[in-house]
Amino acid sequence: MSEKLVLDKHIARVLIDPSSIQQRIADLGVQISKDYAGQELVVICILKGAFLFTS
């Protein structure tokens, strides 16, 4: 992780670095694509703010 993270004053430390999160999201996308290949996938976002993760 070469970039310096700017933390909120209430955050003591980062538990999971951004590149690990990005890699896991990519892995989940691949797995979802395999699991639902050839099917129509309907995703429903129900939590406030969850649309950022859903998109």
N, C-alpha and C. Protein backbone atom coordinates (compact mmCIF):
# COMPACT_ATOMS: atom_id res chain seq x y z
N MET A 1 0.86 -1.17 0.00
CA MET A 1 0.00 0.00 0.00
C MET A 1 0.90 1.23 0.00
N SER A 2 1.09 1.81 -1.16
CA SER A 2 2.01 2.93 -1.27
C SER A 2 1.36 4.28 -0.96
N GLU A 3 0.03 4.35 -1.09
CA GLU A 3 -0.66 5.60 -0.80
C GLU A 3 -0.81 5.78 0.71
N LYS A 4 -0.76 7.02 1.14
CA LYS A 4 -1.01 7.29 2.56
C LYS A 4 -2.50 7.51 2.74
N LEU A 5 -3.07 6.75 3.64
CA LEU A 5 -4.49 6.89 3.92
C LEU A 5 -4.72 8.02 4.91
N VAL A 6 -5.72 8.83 4.65
CA VAL A 6 -6.11 9.90 5.57
C VAL A 6 -7.28 9.36 6.37
N LEU A 7 -7.08 9.25 7.67
CA LEU A 7 -8.10 8.68 8.54
C LEU A 7 -8.87 9.77 9.27
N ASP A 8 -10.13 9.49 9.51
CA ASP A 8 -10.95 10.35 10.35
C ASP A 8 -10.36 10.33 11.75
N LYS A 9 -10.52 11.38 12.51
CA LYS A 9 -9.94 11.44 13.85
C LYS A 9 -10.50 10.37 14.78
N HIS A 10 -11.65 9.79 14.43
CA HIS A 10 -12.28 8.76 15.25
C HIS A 10 -11.82 7.34 14.87
N ILE A 11 -11.03 7.23 13.81
CA ILE A 11 -10.56 5.92 13.36
C ILE A 11 -9.12 5.74 13.83
N ALA A 12 -8.90 4.71 14.63
CA ALA A 12 -7.57 4.48 15.19
C ALA A 12 -6.62 3.82 14.19
N ARG A 13 -7.16 2.84 13.42
CA ARG A 13 -6.31 2.16 12.45
C ARG A 13 -7.17 1.48 11.40
N VAL A 14 -6.57 1.17 10.28
CA VAL A 14 -7.26 0.49 9.19
C VAL A 14 -7.11 -1.01 9.39
N LEU A 15 -8.22 -1.73 9.40
CA LEU A 15 -8.18 -3.18 9.60
C LEU A 15 -7.97 -3.92 8.28
N ILE A 16 -8.58 -3.44 7.21
CA ILE A 16 -8.45 -4.08 5.90
C ILE A 16 -8.07 -2.99 4.90
N ASP A 17 -6.95 -3.18 4.21
CA ASP A 17 -6.48 -2.15 3.29
C ASP A 17 -7.36 -2.10 2.04
N PRO A 18 -7.42 -0.94 1.38
CA PRO A 18 -8.30 -0.76 0.21
C PRO A 18 -8.05 -1.76 -0.92
N SER A 19 -6.81 -2.12 -1.17
CA SER A 19 -6.53 -3.06 -2.26
C SER A 19 -7.09 -4.45 -1.96
N SER A 20 -7.10 -4.86 -0.71
CA SER A 20 -7.69 -6.15 -0.33
C SER A 20 -9.20 -6.12 -0.53
N ILE A 21 -9.82 -5.01 -0.21
CA ILE A 21 -11.26 -4.87 -0.40
C ILE A 21 -11.59 -4.90 -1.89
N GLN A 22 -10.83 -4.18 -2.70
CA GLN A 22 -11.06 -4.18 -4.14
C GLN A 22 -10.89 -5.57 -4.74
N GLN A 23 -9.89 -6.31 -4.29
CA GLN A 23 -9.66 -7.66 -4.79
C GLN A 23 -10.82 -8.58 -4.41
N ARG A 24 -11.30 -8.47 -3.19
CA ARG A 24 -12.42 -9.31 -2.75
C ARG A 24 -13.68 -9.00 -3.52
N ILE A 25 -13.93 -7.73 -3.79
CA ILE A 25 -15.10 -7.33 -4.59
C ILE A 25 -15.00 -7.93 -5.99
N ALA A 26 -13.81 -7.86 -6.59
CA ALA A 26 -13.61 -8.46 -7.91
C ALA A 26 -13.84 -9.96 -7.87
N ASP A 27 -13.33 -10.64 -6.84
CA ASP A 27 -13.53 -12.08 -6.69
C ASP A 27 -15.02 -12.42 -6.55
N LEU A 28 -15.74 -11.63 -5.76
CA LEU A 28 -17.17 -11.86 -5.60
C LEU A 28 -17.91 -11.67 -6.93
N GLY A 29 -17.51 -10.68 -7.70
CA GLY A 29 -18.12 -10.45 -9.01
C GLY A 29 -17.94 -11.63 -9.94
N VAL A 30 -16.74 -12.20 -9.94
CA VAL A 30 -16.46 -13.38 -10.76
C VAL A 30 -17.32 -14.56 -10.30
N GLN A 31 -17.40 -14.77 -9.00
CA GLN A 31 -18.19 -15.88 -8.47
C GLN A 31 -19.68 -15.72 -8.77
N ILE A 32 -20.19 -14.51 -8.62
CA ILE A 32 -21.61 -14.26 -8.93
C ILE A 32 -21.87 -14.50 -10.41
N SER A 33 -20.96 -14.06 -11.28
CA SER A 33 -21.11 -14.29 -12.71
C SER A 33 -21.15 -15.77 -13.05
N LYS A 34 -20.31 -16.56 -12.39
CA LYS A 34 -20.30 -18.02 -12.61
C LYS A 34 -21.59 -18.66 -12.10
N ASP A 35 -21.99 -18.29 -10.88
CA ASP A 35 -23.16 -18.89 -10.26
C ASP A 35 -24.45 -18.60 -11.01
N TYR A 36 -24.55 -17.43 -11.63
CA TYR A 36 -25.79 -17.03 -12.29
C TYR A 36 -25.64 -16.94 -13.80
N ALA A 37 -24.65 -17.62 -14.37
CA ALA A 37 -24.43 -17.61 -15.81
C ALA A 37 -25.69 -18.10 -16.53
N GLY A 38 -26.13 -17.34 -17.52
CA GLY A 38 -27.29 -17.71 -18.30
C GLY A 38 -28.62 -17.42 -17.63
N GLN A 39 -28.60 -16.82 -16.47
CA GLN A 39 -29.83 -16.50 -15.74
C GLN A 39 -29.95 -14.99 -15.59
N GLU A 40 -31.17 -14.55 -15.41
CA GLU A 40 -31.39 -13.13 -15.13
C GLU A 40 -31.19 -12.91 -13.63
N LEU A 41 -30.34 -11.98 -13.28
CA LEU A 41 -30.05 -11.69 -11.88
C LEU A 41 -30.76 -10.41 -11.48
N VAL A 42 -31.54 -10.47 -10.42
CA VAL A 42 -32.23 -9.30 -9.89
C VAL A 42 -31.63 -8.99 -8.53
N VAL A 43 -31.10 -7.79 -8.37
CA VAL A 43 -30.49 -7.37 -7.12
C VAL A 43 -31.33 -6.24 -6.54
N ILE A 44 -31.70 -6.37 -5.28
CA ILE A 44 -32.52 -5.36 -4.61
C ILE A 44 -31.70 -4.74 -3.48
N CYS A 45 -31.60 -3.44 -3.50
CA CYS A 45 -30.86 -2.68 -2.49
C CYS A 45 -31.87 -2.17 -1.46
N ILE A 46 -31.71 -2.57 -0.19
CA ILE A 46 -32.71 -2.18 0.80
C ILE A 46 -32.19 -1.32 1.94
N LEU A 47 -30.90 -1.21 2.11
CA LEU A 47 -30.37 -0.42 3.22
C LEU A 47 -29.99 0.98 2.75
N LYS A 48 -30.19 1.96 3.61
CA LYS A 48 -29.83 3.33 3.30
C LYS A 48 -28.33 3.40 3.01
N GLY A 49 -27.97 3.92 1.85
CA GLY A 49 -26.57 4.03 1.47
C GLY A 49 -26.02 2.80 0.76
N ALA A 50 -26.79 1.72 0.72
CA ALA A 50 -26.30 0.48 0.11
C ALA A 50 -26.20 0.59 -1.40
N PHE A 51 -26.86 1.56 -2.01
CA PHE A 51 -26.79 1.71 -3.46
C PHE A 51 -25.36 1.92 -3.94
N LEU A 52 -24.51 2.49 -3.11
CA LEU A 52 -23.11 2.68 -3.49
C LEU A 52 -22.43 1.34 -3.71
N PHE A 53 -22.76 0.36 -2.89
CA PHE A 53 -22.17 -0.97 -3.01
C PHE A 53 -22.89 -1.79 -4.07
N THR A 54 -24.17 -1.52 -4.25
CA THR A 54 -24.96 -2.28 -5.22
C THR A 54 -24.61 -1.90 -6.65
N SER A 55 -24.29 -0.65 -6.88
CA SER A 55 -23.96 -0.21 -8.23
C SER A 55 -22.60 -0.66 -8.60
